[in-house]
Amino acid sequence: TGSVTTYADSVKGRFTISRDNAKNTVNLQM
């Protein structure tokens, strides 16, 4: 909820996760 992120080592630097708490959505840019 506080936007602390965790990534698998295999995707670090390539994928970005984000969320919109107001809309209850989560996105993954790959």
PDB file of all heavy atoms in Angstrom:
ATOM      1  N   THR A   1       0.830  -1.196   0.000  1.00  0.00           N
ATOM      2  CA  THR A   1       0.000   0.000   0.000  1.00  0.00           C
ATOM      3  C   THR A   1       0.868   1.252   0.000  1.00  0.00           C
ATOM      4  O   THR A   1       0.507   2.268  -0.604  1.00  0.00           O
ATOM      5  CB  THR A   1      -0.918   0.000   1.237  1.00  0.00           C
ATOM      6  OG1 THR A   1      -1.692  -1.198   1.238  1.00  0.00           O
ATOM      7  CG2 THR A   1      -1.856   1.189   1.213  1.00  0.00           C
ATOM      8  N   GLY A   2       2.019   1.157   0.639  1.00  0.00           N
ATOM      9  CA  GLY A   2       2.947   2.282   0.684  1.00  0.00           C
ATOM     10  C   GLY A   2       3.923   2.325  -0.477  1.00  0.00           C
ATOM     11  O   GLY A   2       4.914   3.054  -0.439  1.00  0.00           O
ATOM     12  N   SER A   3       3.644   1.533  -1.506  1.00  0.00           N
ATOM     13  CA  SER A   3       4.445   1.505  -2.745  1.00  0.00           C
ATOM     14  C   SER A   3       5.848   0.940  -2.572  1.00  0.00           C
ATOM     15  O   SER A   3       6.747   1.267  -3.355  1.00  0.00           O
ATOM     16  CB  SER A   3       4.512   2.900  -3.385  1.00  0.00           C
ATOM     17  OG  SER A   3       3.223   3.327  -3.782  1.00  0.00           O
ATOM     18  N   VAL A   4       6.031   0.106  -1.583  1.00  0.00           N
ATOM     19  CA  VAL A   4       7.302  -0.624  -1.485  1.00  0.00           C
ATOM     20  C   VAL A   4       7.211  -1.814  -2.441  1.00  0.00           C
ATOM     21  O   VAL A   4       6.251  -2.579  -2.401  1.00  0.00           O
ATOM     22  CB  VAL A   4       7.551  -1.103  -0.045  1.00  0.00           C
ATOM     23  CG1 VAL A   4       8.799  -1.966   0.014  1.00  0.00           C
ATOM     24  CG2 VAL A   4       7.661   0.086   0.897  1.00  0.00           C
ATOM     25  N   THR A   5       8.213  -1.951  -3.278  1.00  0.00           N
ATOM     26  CA  THR A   5       8.155  -2.976  -4.326  1.00  0.00           C
ATOM     27  C   THR A   5       9.178  -4.084  -4.093  1.00  0.00           C
ATOM     28  O   THR A   5      10.235  -3.873  -3.491  1.00  0.00           O
ATOM     29  CB  THR A   5       8.415  -2.354  -5.697  1.00  0.00           C
ATOM     30  OG1 THR A   5       9.687  -1.692  -5.682  1.00  0.00           O
ATOM     31  CG2 THR A   5       7.331  -1.342  -6.051  1.00  0.00           C
ATOM     32  N   THR A   6       8.831  -5.258  -4.605  1.00  0.00           N
ATOM     33  CA  THR A   6       9.726  -6.411  -4.613  1.00  0.00           C
ATOM     34  C   THR A   6       9.690  -7.001  -6.009  1.00  0.00           C
ATOM     35  O   THR A   6       8.607  -7.134  -6.595  1.00  0.00           O
ATOM     36  CB  THR A   6       9.262  -7.471  -3.598  1.00  0.00           C
ATOM     37  OG1 THR A   6       9.247  -6.903  -2.282  1.00  0.00           O
ATOM     38  CG2 THR A   6      10.211  -8.665  -3.607  1.00  0.00           C
ATOM     39  N   TYR A   7      10.863  -7.357  -6.522  1.00  0.00           N
ATOM     40  CA  TYR A   7      10.948  -7.937  -7.852  1.00  0.00           C
ATOM     41  C   TYR A   7      11.746  -9.244  -7.812  1.00  0.00           C
ATOM     42  O   TYR A   7      12.712  -9.369  -7.055  1.00  0.00           O
ATOM     43  CB  TYR A   7      11.649  -6.988  -8.823  1.00  0.00           C
ATOM     44  CG  TYR A   7      10.886  -5.724  -9.137  1.00  0.00           C
ATOM     45  CD1 TYR A   7      11.119  -4.547  -8.429  1.00  0.00           C
ATOM     46  CD2 TYR A   7       9.924  -5.703 -10.147  1.00  0.00           C
ATOM     47  CE1 TYR A   7      10.424  -3.388  -8.711  1.00  0.00           C
ATOM     48  CE2 TYR A   7       9.225  -4.550 -10.442  1.00  0.00           C
ATOM     49  CZ  TYR A   7       9.474  -3.397  -9.719  1.00  0.00           C
ATOM     50  OH  TYR A   7       8.772  -2.249 -10.011  1.00  0.00           O
ATOM     51  N   ALA A   8      11.364 -10.164  -8.664  1.00  0.00           N
ATOM     52  CA  ALA A   8      12.206 -11.332  -8.879  1.00  0.00           C
ATOM     53  C   ALA A   8      13.500 -10.864  -9.528  1.00  0.00           C
ATOM     54  O   ALA A   8      13.501  -9.929 -10.331  1.00  0.00           O
ATOM     55  CB  ALA A   8      11.487 -12.323  -9.790  1.00  0.00           C
ATOM     56  N   ASP A   9      14.582 -11.507  -9.175  1.00  0.00           N
ATOM     57  CA  ASP A   9      15.880 -11.109  -9.730  1.00  0.00           C
ATOM     58  C   ASP A   9      15.865 -11.126 -11.260  1.00  0.00           C
ATOM     59  O   ASP A   9      16.497 -10.292 -11.905  1.00  0.00           O
ATOM     60  CB  ASP A   9      16.983 -12.044  -9.220  1.00  0.00           C
ATOM     61  CG  ASP A   9      17.314 -11.801  -7.759  1.00  0.00           C
ATOM     62  OD1 ASP A   9      16.948 -10.728  -7.237  1.00  0.00           O
ATOM     63  OD2 ASP A   9      17.930 -12.693  -7.149  1.00  0.00           O
ATOM     64  N   SER A  10      15.133 -12.062 -11.831  1.00  0.00           N
ATOM     65  CA  SER A  10      15.141 -12.238 -13.280  1.00  0.00           C
ATOM     66  C   SER A  10      14.472 -11.087 -14.030  1.00  0.00           C
ATOM     67  O   SER A  10      14.656 -10.956 -15.240  1.00  0.00           O
ATOM     68  CB  SER A  10      14.453 -13.553 -13.652  1.00  0.00           C
ATOM     69  OG  SER A  10      13.118 -13.562 -13.199  1.00  0.00           O
ATOM     70  N   VAL A  11      13.698 -10.258 -13.322  1.00  0.00           N
ATOM     71  CA  VAL A  11      12.986  -9.178 -14.020  1.00  0.00           C
ATOM     72  C   VAL A  11      13.443  -7.794 -13.575  1.00  0.00           C
ATOM     73  O   VAL A  11      12.985  -6.788 -14.133  1.00  0.00           O
ATOM     74  CB  VAL A  11      11.454  -9.300 -13.832  1.00  0.00           C
ATOM     75  CG1 VAL A  11      10.974 -10.687 -14.232  1.00  0.00           C
ATOM     76  CG2 VAL A  11      11.033  -8.964 -12.412  1.00  0.00           C
ATOM     77  N   LYS A  12      14.330  -7.718 -12.621  1.00  0.00           N
ATOM     78  CA  LYS A  12      14.799  -6.419 -12.134  1.00  0.00           C
ATOM     79  C   LYS A  12      15.420  -5.613 -13.272  1.00  0.00           C
ATOM     80  O   LYS A  12      16.200  -6.132 -14.059  1.00  0.00           O
ATOM     81  CB  LYS A  12      15.823  -6.610 -11.013  1.00  0.00           C
ATOM     82  CG  LYS A  12      15.218  -7.032  -9.685  1.00  0.00           C
ATOM     83  CD  LYS A  12      16.289  -7.204  -8.618  1.00  0.00           C
ATOM     84  CE  LYS A  12      15.663  -7.628  -7.294  1.00  0.00           C
ATOM     85  NZ  LYS A  12      16.690  -7.878  -6.252  1.00  0.00           N
ATOM     86  N   GLY A  13      15.035  -4.355 -13.334  1.00  0.00           N
ATOM     87  CA  GLY A  13      15.546  -3.474 -14.377  1.00  0.00           C
ATOM     88  C   GLY A  13      14.768  -3.543 -15.672  1.00  0.00           C
ATOM     89  O   GLY A  13      14.968  -2.707 -16.561  1.00  0.00           O
ATOM     90  N   ARG A  14      13.859  -4.518 -15.793  1.00  0.00           N
ATOM     91  CA  ARG A  14      13.073  -4.654 -17.020  1.00  0.00           C
ATOM     92  C   ARG A  14      11.575  -4.440 -16.772  1.00  0.00           C
ATOM     93  O   ARG A  14      10.870  -3.923 -17.638  1.00  0.00           O
ATOM     94  CB  ARG A  14      13.295  -6.041 -17.640  1.00  0.00           C
ATOM     95  CG  ARG A  14      14.721  -6.328 -18.001  1.00  0.00           C
ATOM     96  CD  ARG A  14      14.847  -7.646 -18.778  1.00  0.00           C
ATOM     97  NE  ARG A  14      14.432  -8.803 -17.992  1.00  0.00           N
ATOM     98  CZ  ARG A  14      13.450  -9.649 -18.342  1.00  0.00           C
ATOM     99  NH1 ARG A  14      12.779  -9.440 -19.457  1.00  0.00           N
ATOM    100  NH2 ARG A  14      13.157 -10.687 -17.570  1.00  0.00           N
ATOM    101  N   PHE A  15      11.110  -4.884 -15.610  1.00  0.00           N
ATOM    102  CA  PHE A  15       9.685  -4.787 -15.276  1.00  0.00           C
ATOM    103  C   PHE A  15       9.483  -3.707 -14.214  1.00  0.00           C
ATOM    104  O   PHE A  15      10.341  -3.515 -13.343  1.00  0.00           O
ATOM    105  CB  PHE A  15       9.170  -6.101 -14.726  1.00  0.00           C
ATOM    106  CG  PHE A  15       9.096  -7.229 -15.725  1.00  0.00           C
ATOM    107  CD1 PHE A  15       9.652  -7.147 -16.979  1.00  0.00           C
ATOM    108  CD2 PHE A  15       8.441  -8.409 -15.376  1.00  0.00           C
ATOM    109  CE1 PHE A  15       9.583  -8.182 -17.889  1.00  0.00           C
ATOM    110  CE2 PHE A  15       8.348  -9.462 -16.271  1.00  0.00           C
ATOM    111  CZ  PHE A  15       8.934  -9.359 -17.516  1.00  0.00           C
ATOM    112  N   THR A  16       8.328  -3.054 -14.285  1.00  0.00           N
ATOM    113  CA  THR A  16       7.966  -2.054 -13.286  1.00  0.00           C
ATOM    114  C   THR A  16       6.522  -2.276 -12.853  1.00  0.00           C
ATOM    115  O   THR A  16       5.624  -2.317 -13.697  1.00  0.00           O
ATOM    116  CB  THR A  16       8.117  -0.633 -13.833  1.00  0.00           C
ATOM    117  OG1 THR A  16       9.453  -0.418 -14.278  1.00  0.00           O
ATOM    118  CG2 THR A  16       7.787   0.391 -12.750  1.00  0.00           C
ATOM    119  N   ILE A  17       6.327  -2.421 -11.550  1.00  0.00           N
ATOM    120  CA  ILE A  17       4.985  -2.591 -11.009  1.00  0.00           C
ATOM    121  C   ILE A  17       4.517  -1.262 -10.424  1.00  0.00           C
ATOM    122  O   ILE A  17       5.309  -0.507  -9.852  1.00  0.00           O
ATOM    123  CB  ILE A  17       4.950  -3.715  -9.946  1.00  0.00           C
ATOM    124  CG1 ILE A  17       3.508  -4.071  -9.582  1.00  0.00           C
ATOM    125  CG2 ILE A  17       5.772  -3.348  -8.712  1.00  0.00           C
ATOM    126  CD1 ILE A  17       3.389  -5.334  -8.743  1.00  0.00           C
ATOM    127  N   SER A  18       3.230  -0.991 -10.579  1.00  0.00           N
ATOM    128  CA  SER A  18       2.654   0.230 -10.022  1.00  0.00           C
ATOM    129  C   SER A  18       1.213  -0.047  -9.622  1.00  0.00           C
ATOM    130  O   SER A  18       0.613  -1.025 -10.078  1.00  0.00           O
ATOM    131  CB  SER A  18       2.714   1.373 -11.044  1.00  0.00           C
ATOM    132  OG  SER A  18       1.980   1.042 -12.208  1.00  0.00           O
ATOM    133  N   ARG A  19       0.660   0.795  -8.781  1.00  0.00           N
ATOM    134  CA  ARG A  19      -0.722   0.608  -8.355  1.00  0.00           C
ATOM    135  C   ARG A  19      -1.393   1.953  -8.151  1.00  0.00           C
ATOM    136  O   ARG A  19      -0.737   2.966  -7.914  1.00  0.00           O
ATOM    137  CB  ARG A  19      -0.788  -0.224  -7.067  1.00  0.00           C
ATOM    138  CG  ARG A  19      -0.185   0.441  -5.853  1.00  0.00           C
ATOM    139  CD  ARG A  19      -0.176  -0.497  -4.647  1.00  0.00           C
ATOM    140  NE  ARG A  19      -1.483  -0.640  -4.021  1.00  0.00           N
ATOM    141  CZ  ARG A  19      -1.740  -1.501  -3.019  1.00  0.00           C
ATOM    142  NH1 ARG A  19      -0.785  -2.295  -2.568  1.00  0.00           N
ATOM    143  NH2 ARG A  19      -2.941  -1.552  -2.486  1.00  0.00           N
ATOM    144  N   ASP A  20      -2.696   1.907  -8.252  1.00  0.00           N
ATOM    145  CA  ASP A  20      -3.521   3.087  -7.971  1.00  0.00           C
ATOM    146  C   ASP A  20      -4.462   2.685  -6.845  1.00  0.00           C
ATOM    147  O   ASP A  20      -5.416   1.930  -7.069  1.00  0.00           O
ATOM    148  CB  ASP A  20      -4.288   3.497  -9.243  1.00  0.00           C
ATOM    149  CG  ASP A  20      -5.075   4.773  -9.037  1.00  0.00           C
ATOM    150  OD1 ASP A  20      -5.546   5.033  -7.907  1.00  0.00           O
ATOM    151  OD2 ASP A  20      -5.260   5.516 -10.017  1.00  0.00           O
ATOM    152  N   ASN A  21      -4.172   3.152  -5.656  1.00  0.00           N
ATOM    153  CA  ASN A  21      -4.957   2.732  -4.498  1.00  0.00           C
ATOM    154  C   ASN A  21      -6.412   3.209  -4.578  1.00  0.00           C
ATOM    155  O   ASN A  21      -7.315   2.538  -4.092  1.00  0.00           O
ATOM    156  CB  ASN A  21      -4.319   3.258  -3.214  1.00  0.00           C
ATOM    157  CG  ASN A  21      -2.995   2.590  -2.912  1.00  0.00           C
ATOM    158  OD1 ASN A  21      -2.786   1.422  -3.254  1.00  0.00           O
ATOM    159  ND2 ASN A  21      -2.085   3.309  -2.289  1.00  0.00           N
ATOM    160  N   ALA A  22      -6.632   4.340  -5.198  1.00  0.00           N
ATOM    161  CA  ALA A  22      -7.995   4.865  -5.308  1.00  0.00           C
ATOM    162  C   ALA A  22      -8.846   4.014  -6.235  1.00  0.00           C
ATOM    163  O   ALA A  22     -10.058   3.871  -6.031  1.00  0.00           O
ATOM    164  CB  ALA A  22      -7.960   6.306  -5.803  1.00  0.00           C
ATOM    165  N   LYS A  23      -8.214   3.449  -7.247  1.00  0.00           N
ATOM    166  CA  LYS A  23      -8.949   2.649  -8.237  1.00  0.00           C
ATOM    167  C   LYS A  23      -8.808   1.151  -8.008  1.00  0.00           C
ATOM    168  O   LYS A  23      -9.401   0.355  -8.727  1.00  0.00           O
ATOM    169  CB  LYS A  23      -8.469   2.996  -9.643  1.00  0.00           C
ATOM    170  CG  LYS A  23      -8.734   4.437 -10.052  1.00  0.00           C
ATOM    171  CD  LYS A  23      -8.236   4.697 -11.471  1.00  0.00           C
ATOM    172  CE  LYS A  23      -8.514   6.130 -11.897  1.00  0.00           C
ATOM    173  NZ  LYS A  23      -8.024   6.395 -13.282  1.00  0.00           N
ATOM    174  N   ASN A  24      -7.993   0.757  -7.019  1.00  0.00           N
ATOM    175  CA  ASN A  24      -7.748  -0.670  -6.753  1.00  0.00           C
ATOM    176  C   ASN A  24      -7.221  -1.386  -7.988  1.00  0.00           C
ATOM    177  O   ASN A  24      -7.694  -2.464  -8.350  1.00  0.00           O
ATOM    178  CB  ASN A  24      -9.022  -1.360  -6.250  1.00  0.00           C
ATOM    179  CG  ASN A  24      -9.286  -1.070  -4.785  1.00  0.00           C
ATOM    180  OD1 ASN A  24      -8.469  -0.462  -4.104  1.00  0.00           O
ATOM    181  ND2 ASN A  24     -10.428  -1.491  -4.297  1.00  0.00           N
ATOM    182  N   THR A  25      -6.259  -0.783  -8.634  1.00  0.00           N
ATOM    183  CA  THR A  25      -5.656  -1.394  -9.809  1.00  0.00           C
ATOM    184  C   THR A  25      -4.147  -1.567  -9.602  1.00  0.00           C
ATOM    185  O   THR A  25      -3.512  -0.806  -8.860  1.00  0.00           O
ATOM    186  CB  THR A  25      -5.880  -0.552 -11.063  1.00  0.00           C
ATOM    187  OG1 THR A  25      -5.345   0.766 -10.857  1.00  0.00           O
ATOM    188  CG2 THR A  25      -7.361  -0.430 -11.399  1.00  0.00           C
ATOM    189  N   VAL A  26      -3.619  -2.568 -10.270  1.00  0.00           N
ATOM    190  CA  VAL A  26      -2.179  -2.795 -10.264  1.00  0.00           C
ATOM    191  C   VAL A  26      -1.752  -3.090 -11.691  1.00  0.00           C
ATOM    192  O   VAL A  26      -2.442  -3.796 -12.427  1.00  0.00           O
ATOM    193  CB  VAL A  26      -1.777  -3.932  -9.298  1.00  0.00           C
ATOM    194  CG1 VAL A  26      -2.448  -5.250  -9.677  1.00  0.00           C
ATOM    195  CG2 VAL A  26      -0.267  -4.077  -9.212  1.00  0.00           C
ATOM    196  N   ASN A  27      -0.627  -2.521 -12.079  1.00  0.00           N
ATOM    197  CA  ASN A  27      -0.125  -2.682 -13.441  1.00  0.00           C
ATOM    198  C   ASN A  27       1.285  -3.241 -13.414  1.00  0.00           C
ATOM    199  O   ASN A  27       2.030  -3.056 -12.449  1.00  0.00           O
ATOM    200  CB  ASN A  27      -0.117  -1.331 -14.165  1.00  0.00           C
ATOM    201  CG  ASN A  27      -1.489  -0.704 -14.236  1.00  0.00           C
ATOM    202  OD1 ASN A  27      -2.442  -1.305 -14.717  1.00  0.00           O
ATOM    203  ND2 ASN A  27      -1.613   0.522 -13.733  1.00  0.00           N
ATOM    204  N   LEU A  28       1.638  -3.901 -14.496  1.00  0.00           N
ATOM    205  CA  LEU A  28       2.991  -4.425 -14.644  1.00  0.00           C
ATOM    206  C   LEU A  28       3.475  -4.045 -16.040  1.00  0.00           C
ATOM    207  O   LEU A  28       2.971  -4.574 -17.037  1.00  0.00           O
ATOM    208  CB  LEU A  28       3.025  -5.940 -14.460  1.00  0.00           C
ATOM    209  CG  LEU A  28       4.413  -6.565 -14.489  1.00  0.00           C
ATOM    210  CD1 LEU A  28       5.202  -6.133 -13.248  1.00  0.00           C
ATOM    211  CD2 LEU A  28       4.324  -8.090 -14.552  1.00  0.00           C
ATOM    212  N   GLN A  29       4.412  -3.130 -16.103  1.00  0.00           N
ATOM    213  CA  GLN A  29       5.031  -2.747 -17.369  1.00  0.00           C
ATOM    214  C   GLN A  29       6.227  -3.661 -17.602  1.00  0.00           C
ATOM    215  O   GLN A  29       7.147  -3.688 -16.769  1.00  0.00           O
ATOM    216  CB  GLN A  29       5.474  -1.285 -17.326  1.00  0.00           C
ATOM    217  CG  GLN A  29       6.175  -0.814 -18.595  1.00  0.00           C
ATOM    218  CD  GLN A  29       5.250  -0.812 -19.805  1.00  0.00           C
ATOM    219  OE1 GLN A  29       4.092  -0.413 -19.713  1.00  0.00           O
ATOM    220  NE2 GLN A  29       5.759  -1.283 -20.931  1.00  0.00           N
ATOM    221  N   MET A  30       6.198  -4.377 -18.696  1.00  0.00           N
ATOM    222  CA  MET A  30       7.247  -5.349 -18.991  1.00  0.00           C
ATOM    223  C   MET A  30       7.994  -4.914 -20.244  1.00  0.00           C
ATOM    224  O   MET A  30       7.409  -4.863 -21.334  1.00  0.00           O
ATOM    225  CB  MET A  30       6.642  -6.737 -19.187  1.00  0.00           C
ATOM    226  CG  MET A  30       5.790  -7.197 -18.010  1.00  0.00           C
ATOM    227  SD  MET A  30       5.200  -8.895 -18.171  1.00  0.00           S
ATOM    228  CE  MET A  30       4.093  -8.727 -19.573  1.00  0.00           C
TER     229      MET A  30
END
